[in-house]
Amino acid sequence: MATVSVFDVAKYILEKKGRMTAMKLQKLVYYSQAWSLVWDEKPLFREKIEAWANGPVVRALYEYHRGAFQVTRLRKGDTSKLNQEQQDTIDAVLRDYGEHTAQWLSDLSHIEDPWNDARKGLPDGAPCDNEITLGSMHEYYSCLPADYPLS
């Protein structure tokens, strides 16, 4: 299992992209995990991802930035724990997803199977802490075209 934490990944994203909404940070962390499973064939970080009403959320990260609409930096986390392969994966996610708005990323996650499957049977907006499993993420994202989400 990964020894890197979600805080290491989130701190790296903020150092690369600068201030962003908490929601956007959550979605970029999620997509970094998803594509690490596909490209690197292993999880990027150890914390689980939950299928909240506004899309995928890592509860530990949420608890840390709770109440903040914008996140500028994290005191928690150590980007030096990320190896080159992990940095390359996050950089590719930032290239493909990083210029989109938080709402666009949230909407995208809502049409994808991992989030929908974890929320099966729940009405829109209902609270949910069901896990989006690594297996469901790997299965879904490994079947997407190479130019996704741009296609």
N, C-alpha and C. Protein backbone atom coordinates (compact mmCIF):
# COMPACT_ATOMS: atom_id res chain seq x y z
N MET A 1 0.84 -1.19 0.00
CA MET A 1 0.00 0.00 0.00
C MET A 1 0.89 1.25 0.00
N ALA A 2 0.35 2.33 -0.48
CA ALA A 2 1.11 3.57 -0.60
C ALA A 2 1.55 4.09 0.77
N THR A 3 2.74 4.65 0.83
CA THR A 3 3.23 5.26 2.06
C THR A 3 3.07 6.77 2.02
N VAL A 4 2.67 7.28 0.89
CA VAL A 4 2.42 8.70 0.73
C VAL A 4 1.02 8.99 1.26
N SER A 5 0.83 10.14 1.88
CA SER A 5 -0.50 10.50 2.38
C SER A 5 -1.19 11.47 1.42
N VAL A 6 -2.49 11.61 1.60
CA VAL A 6 -3.25 12.56 0.80
C VAL A 6 -2.72 13.98 1.03
N PHE A 7 -2.17 14.24 2.21
CA PHE A 7 -1.64 15.57 2.49
C PHE A 7 -0.39 15.87 1.67
N ASP A 8 0.43 14.85 1.44
CA ASP A 8 1.61 15.02 0.60
C ASP A 8 1.20 15.37 -0.82
N VAL A 9 0.18 14.68 -1.32
CA VAL A 9 -0.33 14.91 -2.68
C VAL A 9 -0.98 16.28 -2.77
N ALA A 10 -1.83 16.61 -1.82
CA ALA A 10 -2.53 17.91 -1.84
C ALA A 10 -1.53 19.07 -1.75
N LYS A 11 -0.53 18.92 -0.92
CA LYS A 11 0.48 19.98 -0.79
C LYS A 11 1.22 20.17 -2.12
N TYR A 12 1.55 19.06 -2.78
CA TYR A 12 2.22 19.13 -4.08
C TYR A 12 1.34 19.85 -5.10
N ILE A 13 0.06 19.51 -5.14
CA ILE A 13 -0.88 20.15 -6.07
C ILE A 13 -0.94 21.65 -5.82
N LEU A 14 -1.03 22.05 -4.56
CA LEU A 14 -1.09 23.48 -4.24
C LEU A 14 0.21 24.19 -4.59
N GLU A 15 1.34 23.53 -4.39
CA GLU A 15 2.61 24.15 -4.77
C GLU A 15 2.71 24.34 -6.27
N LYS A 16 2.13 23.44 -7.04
CA LYS A 16 2.18 23.52 -8.50
C LYS A 16 1.16 24.51 -9.07
N LYS A 17 -0.06 24.50 -8.51
CA LYS A 17 -1.16 25.27 -9.10
C LYS A 17 -1.53 26.52 -8.33
N GLY A 18 -1.10 26.63 -7.08
CA GLY A 18 -1.47 27.79 -6.29
C GLY A 18 -2.86 27.64 -5.69
N ARG A 19 -3.34 28.72 -5.13
CA ARG A 19 -4.62 28.74 -4.42
C ARG A 19 -5.75 28.23 -5.30
N MET A 20 -6.64 27.45 -4.67
CA MET A 20 -7.82 26.93 -5.37
C MET A 20 -8.89 26.64 -4.35
N THR A 21 -10.09 26.38 -4.84
CA THR A 21 -11.16 26.03 -3.91
C THR A 21 -10.88 24.66 -3.30
N ALA A 22 -11.42 24.47 -2.11
CA ALA A 22 -11.29 23.18 -1.44
C ALA A 22 -11.90 22.07 -2.29
N MET A 23 -13.01 22.37 -2.97
CA MET A 23 -13.66 21.37 -3.81
C MET A 23 -12.76 20.97 -4.97
N LYS A 24 -12.13 21.93 -5.59
CA LYS A 24 -11.23 21.61 -6.71
C LYS A 24 -10.04 20.78 -6.23
N LEU A 25 -9.49 21.13 -5.08
CA LEU A 25 -8.38 20.35 -4.53
C LEU A 25 -8.81 18.90 -4.31
N GLN A 26 -9.98 18.71 -3.76
CA GLN A 26 -10.49 17.35 -3.53
C GLN A 26 -10.60 16.57 -4.84
N LYS A 27 -11.08 17.21 -5.88
CA LYS A 27 -11.26 16.51 -7.17
C LYS A 27 -9.90 16.20 -7.81
N LEU A 28 -8.95 17.11 -7.70
CA LEU A 28 -7.62 16.85 -8.28
C LEU A 28 -6.90 15.74 -7.52
N VAL A 29 -7.10 15.67 -6.22
CA VAL A 29 -6.54 14.56 -5.43
C VAL A 29 -7.18 13.25 -5.89
N TYR A 30 -8.49 13.26 -6.08
CA TYR A 30 -9.21 12.07 -6.54
C TYR A 30 -8.69 11.59 -7.89
N TYR A 31 -8.59 12.49 -8.85
CA TYR A 31 -8.13 12.09 -10.18
C TYR A 31 -6.66 11.67 -10.16
N SER A 32 -5.88 12.23 -9.28
CA SER A 32 -4.48 11.78 -9.13
C SER A 32 -4.45 10.33 -8.64
N GLN A 33 -5.30 10.00 -7.70
CA GLN A 33 -5.38 8.62 -7.22
C GLN A 33 -5.86 7.68 -8.34
N ALA A 34 -6.90 8.10 -9.06
CA ALA A 34 -7.46 7.26 -10.12
C ALA A 34 -6.42 6.93 -11.19
N TRP A 35 -5.73 7.94 -11.64
CA TRP A 35 -4.77 7.71 -12.73
C TRP A 35 -3.50 7.03 -12.25
N SER A 36 -3.15 7.18 -10.99
CA SER A 36 -2.03 6.41 -10.44
C SER A 36 -2.35 4.92 -10.48
N LEU A 37 -3.59 4.58 -10.19
CA LEU A 37 -4.01 3.18 -10.24
C LEU A 37 -3.86 2.61 -11.63
N VAL A 38 -4.14 3.43 -12.64
CA VAL A 38 -4.06 2.97 -14.03
C VAL A 38 -2.63 2.99 -14.55
N TRP A 39 -1.98 4.14 -14.44
CA TRP A 39 -0.65 4.31 -15.05
C TRP A 39 0.46 3.65 -14.26
N ASP A 40 0.39 3.74 -12.94
CA ASP A 40 1.46 3.24 -12.09
C ASP A 40 1.13 1.88 -11.47
N GLU A 41 -0.13 1.48 -11.64
CA GLU A 41 -0.64 0.20 -11.15
C GLU A 41 -0.53 0.06 -9.64
N LYS A 42 -0.67 1.20 -8.95
CA LYS A 42 -0.69 1.17 -7.49
C LYS A 42 -1.32 2.46 -6.97
N PRO A 43 -1.86 2.40 -5.75
CA PRO A 43 -2.44 3.61 -5.17
C PRO A 43 -1.37 4.67 -4.93
N LEU A 44 -1.79 5.92 -5.06
CA LEU A 44 -0.89 7.04 -4.81
C LEU A 44 -0.82 7.34 -3.31
N PHE A 45 -1.96 7.28 -2.64
CA PHE A 45 -2.02 7.55 -1.20
C PHE A 45 -2.93 6.54 -0.53
N ARG A 46 -2.85 6.49 0.81
CA ARG A 46 -3.51 5.43 1.57
C ARG A 46 -4.93 5.74 2.01
N GLU A 47 -5.30 7.00 2.14
CA GLU A 47 -6.62 7.36 2.67
C GLU A 47 -7.72 6.99 1.68
N LYS A 48 -8.87 6.63 2.25
CA LYS A 48 -9.98 6.24 1.37
C LYS A 48 -10.73 7.47 0.86
N ILE A 49 -11.41 7.27 -0.26
CA ILE A 49 -12.19 8.32 -0.90
C ILE A 49 -13.66 7.97 -0.75
N GLU A 50 -14.47 8.95 -0.35
CA GLU A 50 -15.89 8.73 -0.13
C GLU A 50 -16.71 9.45 -1.20
N ALA A 51 -17.90 8.91 -1.47
CA ALA A 51 -18.79 9.44 -2.52
C ALA A 51 -19.78 10.44 -1.91
N TRP A 52 -19.30 11.64 -1.64
CA TRP A 52 -20.14 12.68 -1.06
C TRP A 52 -21.05 13.27 -2.14
N ALA A 53 -22.02 14.07 -1.72
CA ALA A 53 -23.00 14.63 -2.65
C ALA A 53 -22.37 15.46 -3.76
N ASN A 54 -21.30 16.20 -3.45
CA ASN A 54 -20.65 17.04 -4.47
C ASN A 54 -19.49 16.35 -5.17
N GLY A 55 -19.41 15.03 -5.02
CA GLY A 55 -18.35 14.28 -5.70
C GLY A 55 -17.42 13.62 -4.70
N PRO A 56 -16.33 13.06 -5.22
CA PRO A 56 -15.38 12.34 -4.37
C PRO A 56 -14.68 13.26 -3.37
N VAL A 57 -14.55 12.76 -2.13
CA VAL A 57 -13.92 13.54 -1.06
C VAL A 57 -13.09 12.60 -0.19
N VAL A 58 -11.89 13.05 0.16
CA VAL A 58 -11.08 12.36 1.15
C VAL A 58 -11.37 13.04 2.49
N ARG A 59 -12.04 12.30 3.37
CA ARG A 59 -12.50 12.89 4.63
C ARG A 59 -11.37 13.52 5.45
N ALA A 60 -10.22 12.86 5.52
CA ALA A 60 -9.10 13.39 6.32
C ALA A 60 -8.67 14.76 5.80
N LEU A 61 -8.64 14.94 4.50
CA LEU A 61 -8.28 16.22 3.91
C LEU A 61 -9.38 17.24 4.17
N TYR A 62 -10.63 16.82 4.02
CA TYR A 62 -11.75 17.71 4.30
C TYR A 62 -11.72 18.21 5.74
N GLU A 63 -11.49 17.30 6.68
CA GLU A 63 -11.44 17.69 8.09
C GLU A 63 -10.34 18.72 8.34
N TYR A 64 -9.26 18.61 7.59
CA TYR A 64 -8.14 19.53 7.74
C TYR A 64 -8.48 20.94 7.23
N HIS A 65 -9.15 21.01 6.07
CA HIS A 65 -9.44 22.33 5.50
C HIS A 65 -10.89 22.77 5.73
N ARG A 66 -11.62 22.06 6.58
CA ARG A 66 -13.03 22.37 6.85
C ARG A 66 -13.22 23.85 7.13
N GLY A 67 -14.25 24.41 6.51
CA GLY A 67 -14.57 25.81 6.72
C GLY A 67 -13.86 26.75 5.78
N ALA A 68 -12.88 26.26 5.04
CA ALA A 68 -12.15 27.12 4.09
C ALA A 68 -12.72 26.91 2.69
N PHE A 69 -13.14 27.99 2.06
CA PHE A 69 -13.59 27.89 0.67
C PHE A 69 -12.38 27.77 -0.25
N GLN A 70 -11.36 28.56 0.01
CA GLN A 70 -10.12 28.53 -0.76
C GLN A 70 -9.02 27.92 0.10
N VAL A 71 -8.15 27.17 -0.54
CA VAL A 71 -6.99 26.61 0.15
C VAL A 71 -5.75 27.14 -0.56
N THR A 72 -4.86 27.75 0.19
CA THR A 72 -3.65 28.33 -0.38
C THR A 72 -2.45 27.42 -0.18
N ARG A 73 -2.34 26.89 1.03
CA ARG A 73 -1.23 25.98 1.33
C ARG A 73 -1.62 25.09 2.49
N LEU A 74 -0.88 24.01 2.64
CA LEU A 74 -1.09 23.10 3.76
C LEU A 74 0.19 23.07 4.59
N ARG A 75 0.04 23.16 5.89
CA ARG A 75 1.21 22.96 6.76
C ARG A 75 1.51 21.47 6.86
N LYS A 76 0.47 20.67 6.78
CA LYS A 76 0.61 19.23 6.87
C LYS A 76 0.99 18.69 5.49
N GLY A 77 1.82 17.67 5.47
CA GLY A 77 2.24 17.06 4.20
C GLY A 77 3.70 17.32 3.92
N ASP A 78 4.29 16.43 3.12
CA ASP A 78 5.71 16.51 2.78
C ASP A 78 5.88 16.07 1.33
N THR A 79 6.07 17.03 0.46
CA THR A 79 6.16 16.71 -0.97
C THR A 79 7.43 15.92 -1.32
N SER A 80 8.42 15.94 -0.44
CA SER A 80 9.65 15.18 -0.73
C SER A 80 9.41 13.66 -0.66
N LYS A 81 8.28 13.25 -0.10
CA LYS A 81 7.94 11.82 -0.07
C LYS A 81 7.51 11.29 -1.43
N LEU A 82 7.15 12.20 -2.33
CA LEU A 82 6.69 11.80 -3.66
C LEU A 82 7.89 11.48 -4.56
N ASN A 83 7.90 10.28 -5.12
CA ASN A 83 8.98 9.93 -6.04
C ASN A 83 8.68 10.51 -7.43
N GLN A 84 9.59 10.36 -8.36
CA GLN A 84 9.43 10.96 -9.68
C GLN A 84 8.20 10.42 -10.41
N GLU A 85 7.96 9.13 -10.31
CA GLU A 85 6.79 8.53 -10.96
C GLU A 85 5.50 9.15 -10.42
N GLN A 86 5.42 9.32 -9.12
CA GLN A 86 4.24 9.92 -8.51
C GLN A 86 4.07 11.38 -8.93
N GLN A 87 5.18 12.12 -8.95
CA GLN A 87 5.12 13.51 -9.40
C GLN A 87 4.67 13.59 -10.86
N ASP A 88 5.18 12.70 -11.70
CA ASP A 88 4.80 12.69 -13.12
C ASP A 88 3.31 12.42 -13.28
N THR A 89 2.78 11.51 -12.48
CA THR A 89 1.35 11.21 -12.54
C THR A 89 0.52 12.42 -12.14
N ILE A 90 0.88 13.05 -11.03
CA ILE A 90 0.14 14.23 -10.58
C ILE A 90 0.27 15.35 -11.61
N ASP A 91 1.46 15.55 -12.16
CA ASP A 91 1.66 16.59 -13.17
C ASP A 91 0.77 16.36 -14.39
N ALA A 92 0.63 15.11 -14.81
CA ALA A 92 -0.23 14.79 -15.96
C ALA A 92 -1.70 15.09 -15.63
N VAL A 93 -2.11 14.77 -14.42
CA VAL A 93 -3.48 15.07 -14.00
C VAL A 93 -3.68 16.59 -13.97
N LEU A 94 -2.72 17.32 -13.46
CA LEU A 94 -2.84 18.78 -13.42
C LEU A 94 -2.89 19.36 -14.83
N ARG A 95 -2.14 18.78 -15.75
CA ARG A 95 -2.17 19.24 -17.14
C ARG A 95 -3.56 19.02 -17.76
N ASP A 96 -4.15 17.84 -17.52
CA ASP A 96 -5.42 17.49 -18.17
C ASP A 96 -6.65 18.00 -17.43
N TYR A 97 -6.58 18.15 -16.12
CA TYR A 97 -7.74 18.53 -15.32
C TYR A 97 -7.58 19.88 -14.61
N GLY A 98 -6.37 20.34 -14.46
CA GLY A 98 -6.08 21.46 -13.58
C GLY A 98 -6.65 22.80 -13.98
N GLU A 99 -6.93 23.00 -15.25
CA GLU A 99 -7.47 24.30 -15.68
C GLU A 99 -8.99 24.35 -15.60
N HIS A 100 -9.62 23.23 -15.32
CA HIS A 100 -11.08 23.20 -15.21
C HIS A 100 -11.53 23.71 -13.85
N THR A 101 -12.76 24.18 -13.80
CA THR A 101 -13.32 24.68 -12.54
C THR A 101 -13.68 23.52 -11.62
N ALA A 102 -13.85 23.85 -10.36
CA ALA A 102 -14.28 22.85 -9.38
C ALA A 102 -15.62 22.26 -9.79
N GLN A 103 -16.53 23.10 -10.28
CA GLN A 103 -17.86 22.60 -10.67
C GLN A 103 -17.76 21.66 -11.87
N TRP A 104 -16.91 21.98 -12.84
CA TRP A 104 -16.73 21.11 -14.00
C TRP A 104 -16.21 19.75 -13.55
N LEU A 105 -15.23 19.76 -12.64
CA LEU A 105 -14.66 18.51 -12.14
C LEU A 105 -15.70 17.72 -11.35
N SER A 106 -16.50 18.41 -10.56
CA SER A 106 -17.55 17.75 -9.79
C SER A 106 -18.57 17.13 -10.74
N ASP A 107 -18.99 17.90 -11.74
CA ASP A 107 -19.95 17.38 -12.73
C ASP A 107 -19.39 16.17 -13.46
N LEU A 108 -18.11 16.22 -13.82
CA LEU A 108 -17.48 15.09 -14.49
C LEU A 108 -17.53 13.85 -13.60
N SER A 109 -17.17 14.00 -12.33
CA SER A 109 -17.18 12.84 -11.42
C SER A 109 -18.59 12.26 -11.28
N HIS A 110 -19.61 13.09 -11.44
CA HIS A 110 -21.00 12.64 -11.28
C HIS A 110 -21.49 11.81 -12.46
N ILE A 111 -20.81 11.86 -13.59
CA ILE A 111 -21.23 11.02 -14.72
C ILE A 111 -20.37 9.77 -14.84
N GLU A 112 -19.42 9.62 -13.95
CA GLU A 112 -18.50 8.48 -14.00
C GLU A 112 -18.96 7.38 -13.03
N ASP A 113 -18.69 6.14 -13.42
CA ASP A 113 -19.17 4.99 -12.66
C ASP A 113 -18.68 4.89 -11.21
N PRO A 114 -17.42 5.15 -10.89
CA PRO A 114 -17.00 4.93 -9.50
C PRO A 114 -17.83 5.70 -8.47
N TRP A 115 -18.10 6.97 -8.73
CA TRP A 115 -18.91 7.78 -7.81
C TRP A 115 -20.36 7.30 -7.81
N ASN A 116 -20.91 7.07 -9.02
CA ASN A 116 -22.29 6.62 -9.12
C ASN A 116 -22.50 5.27 -8.47
N ASP A 117 -21.59 4.34 -8.69
CA ASP A 117 -21.73 3.00 -8.10
C ASP A 117 -21.69 3.05 -6.57
N ALA A 118 -20.85 3.91 -6.03
CA ALA A 118 -20.75 4.02 -4.57
C ALA A 118 -22.02 4.64 -3.97
N ARG A 119 -22.76 5.39 -4.76
CA ARG A 119 -23.97 6.07 -4.29
C ARG A 119 -25.25 5.39 -4.75
N LYS A 120 -25.16 4.21 -5.28
CA LYS A 120 -26.33 3.49 -5.83
C LYS A 120 -27.55 3.62 -4.93
N GLY A 121 -28.66 4.08 -5.54
CA GLY A 121 -29.92 4.14 -4.83
C GLY A 121 -30.14 5.40 -4.00
N LEU A 122 -29.13 6.24 -3.91
CA LEU A 122 -29.28 7.47 -3.12
C LEU A 122 -29.77 8.62 -4.00
N PRO A 123 -30.69 9.44 -3.50
CA PRO A 123 -31.13 10.60 -4.28
C PRO A 123 -30.04 11.66 -4.37
N ASP A 124 -30.13 12.50 -5.38
CA ASP A 124 -29.18 13.60 -5.54
C ASP A 124 -29.12 14.42 -4.26
N GLY A 125 -27.92 14.77 -3.85
CA GLY A 125 -27.73 15.62 -2.69
C GLY A 125 -27.77 14.91 -1.35
N ALA A 126 -28.09 13.62 -1.35
CA ALA A 126 -28.16 12.88 -0.08
C ALA A 126 -26.77 12.70 0.50
N PRO A 127 -26.63 12.80 1.82
CA PRO A 127 -25.33 12.54 2.45
C PRO A 127 -24.92 11.09 2.21
N CYS A 128 -23.63 10.87 2.10
CA CYS A 128 -23.12 9.53 1.83
C CYS A 128 -21.66 9.47 2.24
N ASP A 129 -21.28 8.39 2.91
CA ASP A 129 -19.86 8.20 3.21
C ASP A 129 -19.36 6.87 2.65
N ASN A 130 -20.11 6.32 1.67
CA ASN A 130 -19.68 5.07 1.03
C ASN A 130 -18.34 5.28 0.34
N GLU A 131 -17.49 4.28 0.46
CA GLU A 131 -16.17 4.36 -0.16
C GLU A 131 -16.24 4.15 -1.67
N ILE A 132 -15.48 4.96 -2.39
CA ILE A 132 -15.22 4.71 -3.81
C ILE A 132 -13.99 3.81 -3.81
N THR A 133 -14.18 2.56 -4.16
CA THR A 133 -13.09 1.60 -4.01
C THR A 133 -12.00 1.78 -5.05
N LEU A 134 -10.80 1.39 -4.67
CA LEU A 134 -9.68 1.43 -5.62
C LEU A 134 -9.97 0.53 -6.81
N GLY A 135 -10.60 -0.60 -6.56
CA GLY A 135 -10.93 -1.52 -7.64
C GLY A 135 -11.89 -0.91 -8.65
N SER A 136 -12.91 -0.21 -8.17
CA SER A 136 -13.87 0.41 -9.10
C SER A 136 -13.21 1.53 -9.89
N MET A 137 -12.30 2.25 -9.25
CA MET A 137 -11.59 3.33 -9.94
C MET A 137 -10.69 2.74 -11.02
N HIS A 138 -9.92 1.73 -10.67
CA HIS A 138 -9.01 1.11 -11.64
C HIS A 138 -9.78 0.55 -12.82
N GLU A 139 -10.86 -0.17 -12.54
CA GLU A 139 -11.65 -0.79 -13.60
C GLU A 139 -12.20 0.27 -14.56
N TYR A 140 -12.76 1.34 -14.02
CA TYR A 140 -13.38 2.37 -14.85
C TYR A 140 -12.35 3.17 -15.66
N TYR A 141 -11.35 3.71 -14.98
CA TYR A 141 -10.42 4.61 -15.66
C TYR A 141 -9.49 3.88 -16.62
N SER A 142 -9.22 2.60 -16.39
CA SER A 142 -8.36 1.87 -17.31
C SER A 142 -9.04 1.58 -18.64
N CYS A 143 -10.36 1.74 -18.70
CA CYS A 143 -11.09 1.49 -19.95
C CYS A 143 -11.38 2.77 -20.75
N LEU A 144 -10.90 3.90 -20.25
CA LEU A 144 -11.18 5.17 -20.94
C LEU A 144 -10.18 5.44 -22.06
N PRO A 145 -10.58 6.21 -23.08
CA PRO A 145 -9.65 6.54 -24.16
C PRO A 145 -8.50 7.41 -23.67
N ALA A 146 -7.41 7.36 -24.39
CA ALA A 146 -6.18 8.06 -23.99
C ALA A 146 -6.36 9.57 -23.86
N ASP A 147 -7.30 10.16 -24.61
CA ASP A 147 -7.46 11.61 -24.56
C ASP A 147 -8.57 12.05 -23.58
N TYR A 148 -9.05 11.14 -22.76
CA TYR A 148 -10.04 11.48 -21.75
C TYR A 148 -9.40 12.41 -20.72
N PRO A 149 -10.02 13.44 -20.23
CA PRO A 149 -11.40 13.87 -20.35
C PRO A 149 -11.64 14.85 -21.49
N LEU A 150 -10.68 14.96 -22.36
CA LEU A 150 -10.76 15.97 -23.42
C LEU A 150 -11.54 15.51 -24.64
N SER A 151 -11.85 14.21 -24.70
CA SER A 151 -12.52 13.68 -25.90
C SER A 151 -13.98 14.05 -25.94
